[in-house]
């Protein structure tokens, strides 16, 4: 059997049986899924994804069991240009072992030991000059199957059916800055977001928690949005809208933050009380970590309120450095006899960029300057950012 290395290509034809094999260490193997893409690298409507759990059949493919796929390349619909064979952990936990995928006389080993990847693209089959070729891939995704699906426009409901634990969870004792109204079986919630690409908006996972429908209000109009992926651990969620957004934020080219530097927080707090327009507040970076030395967030002093969650935090050049996430639970502090005000937390830009990288999204980055970015003042920062922020409402 011929062993392939990552990036190596080989001709392939006819009916092929792909078998996922472990490394003999025991334990349950991850599950296989097959994703078909068109020429635009988006999911092909004529060939929705199939997986080893539900074992739906397509004219050209069927799962004989969780780890064995039979694929007839001659029968693949003409609009399909590429097929991704994916292995994923159903608990969305790191696979953490070596996987081998075998077909015919070809074999490819993916070493995932010591890595945080919960899903991996094993191989790709693609059309080339009228024939099929197979490429050994091995690209892993710490965010799991949802990251792969989000990058290719696949219905997130498919992922949720396979990995139920991806439902956004509860925060760790800090109070979130979202707003929720209603009782019984129906409720609405609101939050804020920031456009990071022409069709993508970033917000907090807890903003869209349990949402049946999400609407983004940007550019003076409501737009239905799809939750591409929610990462409750880092409290991030990526939304997609079909219409082009009026503007996109620029990330600061220098990822590092500076203790004491001035920032502006934008968002839509206390909807229905303060109006529907955006609100801006100014403060500074008070600490470079959060509760328990959590290095994924930073502390800032700009006043925020319920509904600010997911809004952008900008430096004095108008560049994105973080996302509003939560506030310290003041009621709990007061009950202990202490006093505290404006202790708020934002998700660091480096964490956000890593999250977006999982989807292949490269957001706009400010041009690096050795002397640092030119500061433009608070009013100019807000004016520059108005077209990039969005109000988010959810039906739960």
Protein backbone atom coordinates (compact mmCIF):
# COMPACT_ATOMS: atom_id res chain seq x y z
CA UNK A 1 0.00 0.00 0.00
CA UNK A 2 1.33 3.45 -0.95
CA UNK A 3 1.57 5.98 1.89
CA UNK A 4 0.80 9.59 1.00
CA UNK A 5 2.17 12.66 2.73
CA UNK A 6 0.15 15.83 3.35
CA UNK A 7 -0.34 17.75 0.11
CA UNK A 8 0.48 14.77 -2.12
CA UNK A 9 -1.92 14.02 -4.99
CA UNK A 10 -2.79 10.82 -6.81
CA UNK A 11 -5.21 9.84 -9.61
CA UNK A 12 -8.37 8.07 -8.48
CA UNK A 13 -11.36 6.68 -10.40
CA UNK A 14 -14.46 4.52 -10.28
CA UNK A 15 -15.93 3.10 -7.09
CA UNK A 16 -13.78 3.57 -4.02
CA UNK A 17 -14.21 2.35 -0.44
CA UNK A 18 -12.73 4.67 2.18
CA UNK A 19 -11.96 3.03 5.52
CA UNK A 20 -10.99 4.91 8.67
CA UNK A 21 -8.53 2.97 10.81
CA UNK A 22 -7.13 3.84 14.24
CA UNK A 23 -3.65 3.52 15.63
CA UNK A 24 -4.33 0.52 17.86
CA UNK A 25 -4.52 2.62 21.03
CA UNK A 26 -8.12 1.65 21.68
CA UNK A 27 -10.99 4.01 22.31
CA UNK A 28 -13.76 5.05 19.94
CA UNK A 29 -12.78 6.35 16.53
CA UNK A 30 -14.16 9.68 15.29
CA UNK A 31 -17.06 9.70 12.84
CA UNK A 32 -16.80 10.24 9.08
CA UNK A 33 -18.70 12.81 7.01
CA UNK A 34 -18.63 13.63 3.29
CA UNK A 35 -19.08 17.24 2.13
CA UNK A 36 -19.61 18.09 -1.56
CA UNK A 37 -18.62 21.52 -2.88
CA UNK A 38 -19.29 23.39 -6.10
CA UNK A 39 -16.86 25.52 -8.07
CA UNK A 40 -17.34 28.37 -5.56
CA UNK A 41 -16.19 26.14 -2.66
CA UNK A 42 -19.70 26.33 -1.17
CA UNK A 43 -21.87 23.30 -0.48
CA UNK A 44 -23.50 21.87 -3.61
CA UNK A 45 -27.35 21.94 -3.33
CA UNK A 46 -27.66 18.72 -5.35
CA UNK A 47 -25.41 16.86 -2.87
CA UNK A 48 -26.05 17.86 0.78
CA UNK A 49 -23.53 16.52 3.33
CA UNK A 50 -23.86 12.94 4.54
CA UNK A 51 -22.39 11.33 7.63
CA UNK A 52 -21.81 8.02 9.34
CA UNK A 53 -24.41 8.76 12.02
CA UNK A 54 -27.61 9.29 10.03
CA UNK A 55 -26.27 7.35 7.02
CA UNK A 56 -28.38 9.06 4.40
CA UNK A 57 -27.61 7.91 0.87
CA UNK A 58 -26.77 9.85 -2.25
CA UNK A 59 -26.74 8.60 -5.82
CA UNK A 60 -22.95 8.38 -5.66
CA UNK A 61 -22.25 7.66 -1.98
CA UNK A 62 -23.33 5.61 1.01
CA UNK A 63 -21.98 4.82 4.47
CA UNK A 64 -21.79 1.10 5.17
CA UNK A 65 -20.96 1.89 8.81
CA UNK A 66 -19.64 4.82 10.85
CA UNK A 67 -16.10 4.40 9.51
CA UNK A 68 -16.63 3.01 5.98
CA UNK A 69 -17.76 5.09 2.97
CA UNK A 70 -18.42 3.76 -0.52
CA UNK A 71 -18.07 6.44 -3.19
CA UNK A 72 -18.76 6.03 -6.92
CA UNK A 73 -16.93 8.91 -8.60
CA UNK A 74 -18.52 8.18 -12.00
CA UNK A 75 -21.96 8.96 -10.52
CA UNK A 76 -21.12 12.26 -8.79
CA UNK A 77 -23.36 15.12 -9.99
CA UNK A 78 -21.72 17.38 -12.55
CA UNK A 79 -22.02 20.51 -10.39
CA UNK A 80 -19.84 18.91 -7.70
CA UNK A 81 -16.20 19.92 -8.14
CA UNK A 82 -14.73 18.73 -4.84
CA UNK A 83 -15.49 16.20 -2.10
CA UNK A 84 -14.14 16.57 1.44
CA UNK A 85 -13.85 13.45 3.59
CA UNK A 86 -13.93 14.63 7.20
CA UNK A 87 -13.41 12.88 10.55
CA UNK A 88 -14.94 14.55 13.61
CA UNK A 89 -15.43 13.88 17.32
CA UNK A 90 -19.12 13.80 18.26
CA UNK A 91 -18.36 15.34 21.63
CA UNK A 92 -16.43 18.17 19.94
CA UNK A 93 -13.37 17.16 21.95
CA UNK A 94 -9.79 16.83 20.63
CA UNK A 95 -9.32 13.63 18.65
CA UNK A 96 -5.79 13.31 20.05
CA UNK A 97 -4.59 10.25 18.14
CA UNK A 98 -3.28 9.07 14.78
CA UNK A 99 -5.89 8.37 12.11
CA UNK A 100 -5.38 6.38 8.92
CA UNK A 101 -7.66 6.66 5.91
CA UNK A 102 -7.30 3.90 3.32
CA UNK A 103 -8.74 3.39 -0.16
CA UNK A 104 -7.52 0.89 -2.74
CA UNK A 105 -3.72 0.91 -2.58
CA UNK A 106 -3.52 4.42 -1.07
CA UNK A 107 -3.19 5.31 2.61
CA UNK A 108 -2.79 8.60 4.46
CA UNK A 109 -1.93 8.93 8.15
CA UNK A 110 -2.88 12.07 10.12
CA UNK A 111 -1.07 12.59 13.42
CA UNK A 112 -3.36 14.46 15.83
CA UNK A 113 -1.70 13.46 19.10
CA UNK A 114 -1.08 16.46 21.30
CA UNK A 115 -3.22 18.69 19.10
CA UNK A 116 -6.54 20.34 19.98
CA UNK A 117 -8.31 19.51 16.71
CA UNK A 118 -11.86 18.14 17.09
CA UNK A 119 -12.28 17.64 13.33
CA UNK A 120 -9.93 17.10 10.41
CA UNK A 121 -10.21 17.05 6.62
CA UNK A 122 -8.60 13.72 5.79
CA UNK A 123 -8.57 13.80 1.98
CA UNK A 124 -10.10 15.78 -0.89
CA UNK A 125 -11.28 14.31 -4.18
CA UNK A 126 -11.46 16.90 -6.97
CA UNK A 127 -11.95 17.09 -10.72
CA UNK A 128 -8.87 17.77 -12.83
CA UNK A 129 -8.89 17.88 -16.64
CA UNK A 130 -11.91 15.59 -16.89
CA UNK A 131 -10.67 13.05 -14.34
CA UNK A 132 -10.63 12.72 -10.55
CA UNK A 133 -7.64 13.15 -8.29
CA UNK A 134 -7.25 12.68 -4.54
CA UNK A 135 -5.20 15.01 -2.33
CA UNK A 136 -3.99 14.13 1.16
CA UNK A 137 -5.06 17.05 3.35
CA UNK A 138 -4.80 16.67 7.14
CA UNK A 139 -5.99 20.20 8.03
CA UNK A 140 -7.34 20.16 11.58
CA UNK A 141 -9.95 22.42 13.21
CA UNK A 142 -9.98 23.07 16.93
CA UNK A 143 -13.55 24.40 16.61
CA UNK A 144 -14.64 21.05 15.19
CA UNK A 145 -17.10 20.14 12.46
CA UNK A 146 -18.93 23.47 12.86
CA UNK A 147 -15.86 25.36 11.67
CA UNK A 148 -15.64 23.28 8.48
CA UNK A 149 -19.38 23.62 7.86
CA UNK A 150 -19.31 27.36 8.49
CA UNK A 151 -16.48 27.90 6.04
CA UNK A 152 -18.50 26.29 3.24
CA UNK A 153 -22.00 27.62 3.91
CA UNK A 154 -23.48 24.40 5.31
CA UNK A 155 -26.65 24.57 7.39
CA UNK A 156 -25.56 24.71 11.04
CA UNK A 157 -28.59 22.56 11.92
CA UNK A 158 -26.80 19.58 10.39
CA UNK A 159 -23.89 20.11 12.78
CA UNK A 160 -26.20 20.59 15.77
CA UNK A 161 -27.91 17.26 15.05
CA UNK A 162 -24.56 15.49 15.04
CA UNK A 163 -23.02 17.34 18.01
CA UNK A 164 -25.82 18.46 20.38
CA UNK A 165 -23.35 19.75 22.99
CA UNK A 166 -22.49 22.67 20.70
CA UNK A 167 -25.55 24.45 22.04
CA UNK A 168 -24.17 27.59 23.74
CA UNK A 169 -23.70 27.08 27.48
CA UNK A 170 -23.99 29.18 30.61
CA UNK A 171 -21.32 31.70 31.61
CA UNK A 172 -18.89 31.10 34.47
CA UNK A 173 -20.32 33.44 37.06
CA UNK A 174 -19.62 36.77 35.42
CA UNK A 175 -22.74 38.65 34.40
CA UNK A 176 -23.25 38.89 30.65
CA UNK A 177 -24.15 42.14 28.96
CA UNK A 178 -27.00 40.77 26.86
CA UNK A 179 -30.69 41.56 27.31
CA UNK A 180 -33.54 39.05 27.50
CA UNK A 181 -37.26 39.65 27.88
CA UNK A 182 -40.31 37.45 28.05
CA UNK A 183 -41.41 34.45 30.04
CA UNK A 184 -42.72 30.96 29.59
CA UNK A 185 -41.92 29.33 26.24
CA UNK A 186 -41.29 32.53 24.31
CA UNK A 187 -38.73 35.29 24.78
CA UNK A 188 -36.72 37.83 22.86
CA UNK A 189 -33.13 38.84 23.45
CA UNK A 190 -30.90 41.54 22.05
CA UNK A 191 -27.23 42.29 21.73
CA UNK A 192 -24.67 43.93 19.51
CA UNK A 193 -22.31 42.81 16.78
CA UNK A 194 -19.62 44.02 14.42
CA UNK A 195 -19.16 43.29 10.72
CA UNK A 196 -15.83 41.63 9.97
CA UNK A 197 -16.57 40.71 6.33
CA UNK A 198 -19.16 41.79 3.77
CA UNK A 199 -21.55 39.00 4.82
CA UNK A 200 -20.32 38.03 8.30
CA UNK A 201 -20.96 39.55 11.72
CA UNK A 202 -19.23 38.69 14.97
CA UNK A 203 -21.04 38.63 18.31
CA UNK A 204 -21.10 36.69 21.60
CA UNK A 205 -22.27 33.10 21.84
CA UNK A 206 -24.54 33.99 24.74
CA UNK A 207 -26.33 36.60 22.59
CA UNK A 208 -27.65 33.91 20.23
CA UNK A 209 -28.08 31.21 22.88
CA UNK A 210 -31.23 29.12 22.22
CA UNK A 211 -32.27 31.47 19.40
CA UNK A 212 -34.89 30.12 16.99
CA UNK A 213 -34.49 33.13 14.69
CA UNK A 214 -31.83 35.85 14.53
CA UNK A 215 -32.20 39.28 12.90
CA UNK A 216 -29.35 41.70 12.28
CA UNK A 217 -30.20 45.39 12.00
CA UNK A 218 -27.50 47.07 9.90
CA UNK A 219 -27.48 49.89 7.41
CA UNK A 220 -31.00 50.90 8.40
CA UNK A 221 -32.66 47.58 7.54
CA UNK A 222 -33.38 44.24 9.24
CA UNK A 223 -31.58 41.23 7.76
CA UNK A 224 -32.31 37.58 8.62
CA UNK A 225 -29.12 35.93 9.85
CA UNK A 226 -27.85 32.40 10.21
CA UNK A 227 -25.67 31.29 13.11
CA UNK A 228 -22.68 29.77 11.34
CA UNK A 229 -21.03 28.62 14.56
CA UNK A 230 -21.13 29.40 18.27
CA UNK A 231 -18.14 28.77 20.54
CA UNK A 232 -19.44 28.99 24.13
CA UNK A 233 -16.00 28.42 25.65
CA UNK A 234 -14.65 31.67 24.19
CA UNK A 235 -18.12 33.28 24.01
CA UNK A 236 -17.90 33.95 20.27
CA UNK A 237 -20.43 33.44 17.51
CA UNK A 238 -20.27 34.03 13.78
CA UNK A 239 -23.40 35.12 11.91
CA UNK A 240 -23.97 35.22 8.15
CA UNK A 241 -26.37 37.42 6.20
CA UNK A 242 -27.04 37.21 2.46
CA UNK A 243 -27.11 40.97 1.80
CA UNK A 244 -23.84 42.88 1.74
CA UNK A 245 -23.16 44.88 4.90
CA UNK A 246 -22.42 48.63 4.64
CA UNK A 247 -18.96 48.48 6.23
CA UNK A 248 -16.42 46.22 7.93
CA UNK A 249 -14.16 46.80 10.92
CA UNK A 250 -10.38 46.78 10.71
CA UNK A 251 -8.41 44.77 13.26
CA UNK A 252 -5.37 46.38 14.81
CA UNK A 253 -2.21 44.99 13.22
CA UNK A 254 -0.46 44.89 16.60
CA UNK A 255 -2.31 42.22 18.56
CA UNK A 256 -0.88 43.21 21.95
CA UNK A 257 -2.82 45.49 24.29
CA UNK A 258 -1.37 48.19 26.53
CA UNK A 259 -2.33 48.64 30.15
CA UNK A 260 -4.01 51.99 30.58
CA UNK A 261 -4.59 52.74 26.89
CA UNK A 262 -7.83 54.51 25.94
CA UNK A 263 -10.63 52.59 24.24
CA UNK A 264 -14.21 53.14 23.03
CA UNK A 265 -16.98 50.54 23.42
CA UNK A 266 -19.90 50.63 20.99
CA UNK A 267 -23.20 48.82 21.12
CA UNK A 268 -26.94 48.91 21.63
CA UNK A 269 -27.62 48.75 25.39
CA UNK A 270 -31.03 48.80 27.07
CA UNK A 271 -33.11 48.57 23.92
CA UNK A 272 -36.55 50.13 24.36
CA UNK A 273 -35.29 52.39 27.13
CA UNK A 274 -32.42 54.29 25.50
CA UNK A 275 -33.69 54.09 21.92
CA UNK A 276 -32.62 51.98 18.98
CA UNK A 277 -29.49 53.90 17.98
CA UNK A 278 -25.92 52.93 18.89
CA UNK A 279 -24.36 54.12 22.14
CA UNK A 280 -20.68 54.92 22.69
CA UNK A 281 -18.75 54.95 25.97
CA UNK A 282 -15.10 55.64 26.68
CA UNK A 283 -12.66 54.17 29.16
CA UNK A 284 -9.32 52.46 29.35
CA UNK A 285 -7.80 49.00 29.61
CA UNK A 286 -7.58 48.28 33.33
CA UNK A 287 -6.04 44.79 33.27
CA UNK A 288 -4.69 42.40 30.67
CA UNK A 289 -6.51 39.36 32.05
CA UNK A 290 -9.85 38.43 33.56
CA UNK A 291 -11.12 36.55 36.59
CA UNK A 292 -8.70 33.85 37.72
CA UNK A 293 -5.98 35.21 35.39
CA UNK A 294 -8.02 34.27 32.32
CA UNK A 295 -5.67 35.39 29.54
CA UNK A 296 -8.31 35.21 26.77
CA UNK A 297 -10.00 38.40 28.01
CA UNK A 298 -9.00 41.83 29.27
CA UNK A 299 -10.63 44.21 31.74
CA UNK A 300 -11.83 47.65 30.69
CA UNK A 301 -13.60 50.56 32.39
CA UNK A 302 -15.91 51.95 29.68
CA UNK A 303 -19.47 51.75 31.09
CA UNK A 304 -21.66 49.10 29.46
CA UNK A 305 -25.16 47.79 30.07
CA UNK A 306 -27.42 44.94 29.08
CA UNK A 307 -27.42 44.75 25.29
CA UNK A 308 -23.77 45.77 24.82
CA UNK A 309 -22.68 42.15 24.45
CA UNK A 310 -20.91 41.48 21.18
CA UNK A 311 -20.19 45.12 20.45
CA UNK A 312 -16.74 46.24 19.27
CA UNK A 313 -14.02 47.67 21.49
CA UNK A 314 -11.87 50.09 19.50
CA UNK A 315 -8.56 51.82 20.09
CA UNK A 316 -8.06 55.53 19.46
CA UNK A 317 -7.17 54.88 15.83
CA UNK A 318 -10.58 53.24 15.31
CA UNK A 319 -9.15 49.71 15.05
CA UNK A 320 -10.83 46.67 16.57
CA UNK A 321 -8.99 45.31 19.63
CA UNK A 322 -11.72 43.26 21.29
CA UNK A 323 -15.37 42.36 21.74
CA UNK A 324 -17.56 43.24 24.73
CA UNK A 325 -18.35 40.05 26.65
CA UNK A 326 -19.43 40.52 30.28
CA UNK A 327 -19.40 42.53 33.49
CA UNK A 328 -18.55 41.54 37.04
CA UNK A 329 -21.65 40.48 38.94
CA UNK A 330 -22.07 43.58 41.13
CA UNK A 331 -24.92 42.10 43.19
CA UNK A 332 -22.63 39.30 44.29
CA UNK A 333 -19.88 41.82 45.16
CA UNK A 334 -22.27 43.97 47.20
CA UNK A 335 -23.58 40.94 49.10
CA UNK A 336 -20.02 40.24 50.20
CA UNK A 337 -19.69 43.81 51.50
CA UNK A 338 -17.45 45.05 48.70
CA UNK A 339 -17.87 47.84 46.18
CA UNK A 340 -17.00 47.88 42.49
CA UNK A 341 -18.05 49.79 39.37
CA UNK A 342 -17.31 49.43 35.66
CA UNK A 343 -15.41 46.16 35.92
CA UNK A 344 -16.07 44.81 32.45
CA UNK A 345 -14.43 42.20 30.27
CA UNK A 346 -13.67 42.02 26.57
CA UNK A 347 -12.46 39.15 24.40
CA UNK A 348 -8.97 39.82 23.06
CA UNK A 349 -8.42 40.41 19.36
CA UNK A 350 -5.93 37.53 19.17
CA UNK A 351 -8.62 35.07 20.32
CA UNK A 352 -11.07 36.49 17.77
CA UNK A 353 -8.57 36.17 14.93
CA UNK A 354 -7.87 32.55 15.87
CA UNK A 355 -11.62 31.86 15.87
CA UNK A 356 -12.04 33.42 12.41
CA UNK A 357 -9.01 31.57 11.07
CA UNK A 358 -10.86 28.31 11.73
CA UNK A 359 -13.35 29.36 9.04
CA UNK A 360 -10.75 30.57 6.58
CA UNK A 361 -11.85 34.18 7.14
CA UNK A 362 -9.13 36.81 6.88
CA UNK A 363 -10.68 40.04 8.18
CA UNK A 364 -9.34 43.46 7.20
CA UNK A 365 -6.18 44.35 9.12
CA UNK A 366 -4.92 47.89 9.67
CA UNK A 367 -1.64 48.67 7.96
CA UNK A 368 1.29 48.28 10.31
CA UNK A 369 3.22 51.41 11.21
CA UNK A 370 6.54 51.25 13.14
CA UNK A 371 5.56 54.45 14.97
CA UNK A 372 2.15 53.10 15.89
CA UNK A 373 -1.31 53.95 14.49
CA UNK A 374 -2.38 57.58 14.19
CA UNK A 375 -4.91 58.49 16.85
CA UNK A 376 -8.00 60.27 15.53
CA UNK A 377 -9.99 61.10 18.68
CA UNK A 378 -13.14 59.61 20.17
CA UNK A 379 -15.70 61.36 17.98
CA UNK A 380 -13.85 60.32 14.81
CA UNK A 381 -13.55 56.74 16.08
CA UNK A 382 -17.32 56.54 16.57
CA UNK A 383 -18.05 58.21 13.23
CA UNK A 384 -15.74 55.77 11.44
CA UNK A 385 -17.29 52.72 13.12
CA UNK A 386 -21.00 53.50 12.70
CA UNK A 387 -21.34 51.49 9.48
CA UNK A 388 -19.66 48.43 11.01
CA UNK A 389 -21.82 47.87 14.10
CA UNK A 390 -25.12 46.01 14.16
CA UNK A 391 -28.02 45.52 16.53
CA UNK A 392 -28.97 41.87 16.97
CA UNK A 393 -32.38 40.59 18.05
CA UNK A 394 -33.24 36.97 18.69
CA UNK A 395 -36.47 35.03 19.10
CA UNK A 396 -35.91 32.28 21.66
